[in-house]
Amino acid sequence: MSDSVEINEQFVLEEDELIKRIFTCTETSAMVLYLFYEKDQTLDAKTVEDILSSIHNIQQDLETELLHLRIEKTIVATRNKKEFKSKKKD
């Protein structure tokens, strides 16, 4: 297997993992909000807000990491495309 294929597969695996983690944050936030609604004032609002803010911060960090991964993936794909075209001309 060529290096470029292995690198691309690694990018795909990392991207899938980040997407799964972001989805987990979204679902967890929704469940915390639902629990807060269901418990009707028996949970401390400030603590729930702190928990949701922490989840939100984690999600933002993951989305930033995903953005950088996608940028790197695009740069590598562009470089591979140029190398392929160069080899094709030879």
C-alpha atoms as a PDB file:
ATOM      1  CA  MET A   1       0.000   0.000   0.000  1.00  0.00           C
ATOM      2  CA  SER A   2       1.386   3.422  -0.880  1.00  0.00           C
ATOM      3  CA  ASP A   3       2.242   6.020   1.716  1.00  0.00           C
ATOM      4  CA  SER A   4      -0.389   8.434   0.415  1.00  0.00           C
ATOM      5  CA  VAL A   5      -3.142   5.807   0.758  1.00  0.00           C
ATOM      6  CA  GLU A   6      -2.038   4.986   4.302  1.00  0.00           C
ATOM      7  CA  ILE A   7      -1.899   8.662   5.213  1.00  0.00           C
ATOM      8  CA  ASN A   8      -5.380   9.224   3.765  1.00  0.00           C
ATOM      9  CA  GLU A   9      -6.749   6.236   5.682  1.00  0.00           C
ATOM     10  CA  GLN A  10      -5.265   7.641   8.879  1.00  0.00           C
ATOM     11  CA  PHE A  11      -6.913  11.012   8.192  1.00  0.00           C
ATOM     12  CA  VAL A  12     -10.249   9.273   7.623  1.00  0.00           C
ATOM     13  CA  LEU A  13      -9.940   7.315  10.881  1.00  0.00           C
ATOM     14  CA  GLU A  14      -9.046  10.449  12.839  1.00  0.00           C
ATOM     15  CA  GLU A  15     -11.876  12.394  11.206  1.00  0.00           C
ATOM     16  CA  ASP A  16     -14.394   9.645  12.010  1.00  0.00           C
ATOM     17  CA  GLU A  17     -13.233   9.568  15.627  1.00  0.00           C
ATOM     18  CA  LEU A  18     -13.567  13.345  16.003  1.00  0.00           C
ATOM     19  CA  ILE A  19     -17.026  13.317  14.418  1.00  0.00           C
ATOM     20  CA  LYS A  20     -18.096  10.568  16.830  1.00  0.00           C
ATOM     21  CA  ARG A  21     -16.761  12.547  19.798  1.00  0.00           C
ATOM     22  CA  ILE A  22     -18.531  15.732  18.638  1.00  0.00           C
ATOM     23  CA  PHE A  23     -21.771  13.778  18.226  1.00  0.00           C
ATOM     24  CA  THR A  24     -21.321  12.414  21.751  1.00  0.00           C
ATOM     25  CA  CYS A  25     -21.013  15.957  23.104  1.00  0.00           C
ATOM     26  CA  THR A  26     -24.168  17.015  21.274  1.00  0.00           C
ATOM     27  CA  GLU A  27     -26.142  14.025  22.532  1.00  0.00           C
ATOM     28  CA  THR A  28     -24.860  14.402  26.080  1.00  0.00           C
ATOM     29  CA  SER A  29     -25.822  18.080  26.145  1.00  0.00           C
ATOM     30  CA  ALA A  30     -29.300  17.211  24.914  1.00  0.00           C
ATOM     31  CA  MET A  31     -29.665  14.548  27.593  1.00  0.00           C
ATOM     32  CA  VAL A  32     -28.492  16.891  30.349  1.00  0.00           C
ATOM     33  CA  LEU A  33     -31.021  19.495  29.200  1.00  0.00           C
ATOM     34  CA  TYR A  34     -33.753  16.865  29.080  1.00  0.00           C
ATOM     35  CA  LEU A  35     -32.845  15.645  32.563  1.00  0.00           C
ATOM     36  CA  PHE A  36     -32.888  19.225  33.841  1.00  0.00           C
ATOM     37  CA  TYR A  37     -36.346  19.680  32.325  1.00  0.00           C
ATOM     38  CA  GLU A  38     -37.631  16.396  33.736  1.00  0.00           C
ATOM     39  CA  LYS A  39     -36.289  17.010  37.249  1.00  0.00           C
ATOM     40  CA  ASP A  40     -38.140  20.349  37.396  1.00  0.00           C
ATOM     41  CA  GLN A  41     -36.010  22.502  39.698  1.00  0.00           C
ATOM     42  CA  THR A  42     -34.604  19.621  41.788  1.00  0.00           C
ATOM     43  CA  LEU A  43     -31.244  20.086  40.040  1.00  0.00           C
ATOM     44  CA  ASP A  44     -29.161  23.165  40.672  1.00  0.00           C
ATOM     45  CA  ALA A  45     -29.390  25.419  37.600  1.00  0.00           C
ATOM     46  CA  LYS A  46     -25.885  26.866  38.016  1.00  0.00           C
ATOM     47  CA  THR A  47     -24.337  23.400  38.221  1.00  0.00           C
ATOM     48  CA  VAL A  48     -26.253  22.259  35.139  1.00  0.00           C
ATOM     49  CA  GLU A  49     -25.083  25.385  33.331  1.00  0.00           C
ATOM     50  CA  ASP A  50     -21.477  24.688  34.375  1.00  0.00           C
ATOM     51  CA  ILE A  51     -21.738  21.108  33.142  1.00  0.00           C
ATOM     52  CA  LEU A  52     -23.221  22.195  29.814  1.00  0.00           C
ATOM     53  CA  SER A  53     -20.580  24.904  29.426  1.00  0.00           C
ATOM     54  CA  SER A  54     -17.845  22.342  29.997  1.00  0.00           C
ATOM     55  CA  ILE A  55     -19.348  20.011  27.404  1.00  0.00           C
ATOM     56  CA  HIS A  56     -19.663  22.948  25.018  1.00  0.00           C
ATOM     57  CA  ASN A  57     -15.989  23.854  25.510  1.00  0.00           C
ATOM     58  CA  ILE A  58     -14.946  20.268  24.841  1.00  0.00           C
ATOM     59  CA  GLN A  59     -17.085  20.223  21.706  1.00  0.00           C
ATOM     60  CA  GLN A  60     -15.563  23.493  20.471  1.00  0.00           C
ATOM     61  CA  ASP A  61     -12.059  22.114  21.007  1.00  0.00           C
ATOM     62  CA  LEU A  62     -12.971  18.971  19.072  1.00  0.00           C
ATOM     63  CA  GLU A  63     -14.497  21.012  16.231  1.00  0.00           C
ATOM     64  CA  THR A  64     -11.333  23.117  16.040  1.00  0.00           C
ATOM     65  CA  GLU A  65      -9.242  19.950  15.944  1.00  0.00           C
ATOM     66  CA  LEU A  66     -11.493  18.597  13.180  1.00  0.00           C
ATOM     67  CA  LEU A  67     -11.084  21.814  11.201  1.00  0.00           C
ATOM     68  CA  HIS A  68      -7.286  21.613  11.418  1.00  0.00           C
ATOM     69  CA  LEU A  69      -7.356  17.945  10.447  1.00  0.00           C
ATOM     70  CA  ARG A  70      -9.480  18.727   7.389  1.00  0.00           C
ATOM     71  CA  ILE A  71      -7.130  21.544   6.395  1.00  0.00           C
ATOM     72  CA  GLU A  72      -4.130  19.224   6.715  1.00  0.00           C
ATOM     73  CA  LYS A  73      -5.974  16.502   4.807  1.00  0.00           C
ATOM     74  CA  THR A  74      -6.702  18.953   1.980  1.00  0.00           C
ATOM     75  CA  ILE A  75      -3.092  20.144   1.848  1.00  0.00           C
ATOM     76  CA  VAL A  76      -1.827  16.558   1.606  1.00  0.00           C
ATOM     77  CA  ALA A  77      -4.432  15.681  -1.040  1.00  0.00           C
ATOM     78  CA  THR A  78      -3.425  18.727  -3.096  1.00  0.00           C
ATOM     79  CA  ARG A  79       0.253  17.798  -2.829  1.00  0.00           C
ATOM     80  CA  ASN A  80      -0.521  14.203  -3.864  1.00  0.00           C
ATOM     81  CA  LYS A  81      -2.584  15.442  -6.799  1.00  0.00           C
ATOM     82  CA  LYS A  82       0.303  17.592  -8.010  1.00  0.00           C
ATOM     83  CA  GLU A  83       2.767  14.696  -7.609  1.00  0.00           C
ATOM     84  CA  PHE A  84       0.419  12.376  -9.507  1.00  0.00           C
ATOM     85  CA  LYS A  85       0.062  14.864 -12.356  1.00  0.00           C
ATOM     86  CA  SER A  86       3.835  15.327 -12.443  1.00  0.00           C
ATOM     87  CA  LYS A  87       4.434  11.557 -12.618  1.00  0.00           C
ATOM     88  CA  LYS A  88       1.745  11.200 -15.279  1.00  0.00           C
ATOM     89  CA  LYS A  89       3.556  13.698 -17.529  1.00  0.00           C
ATOM     90  CA  ASP A  90       6.822  11.733 -17.267  1.00  0.00           C
END
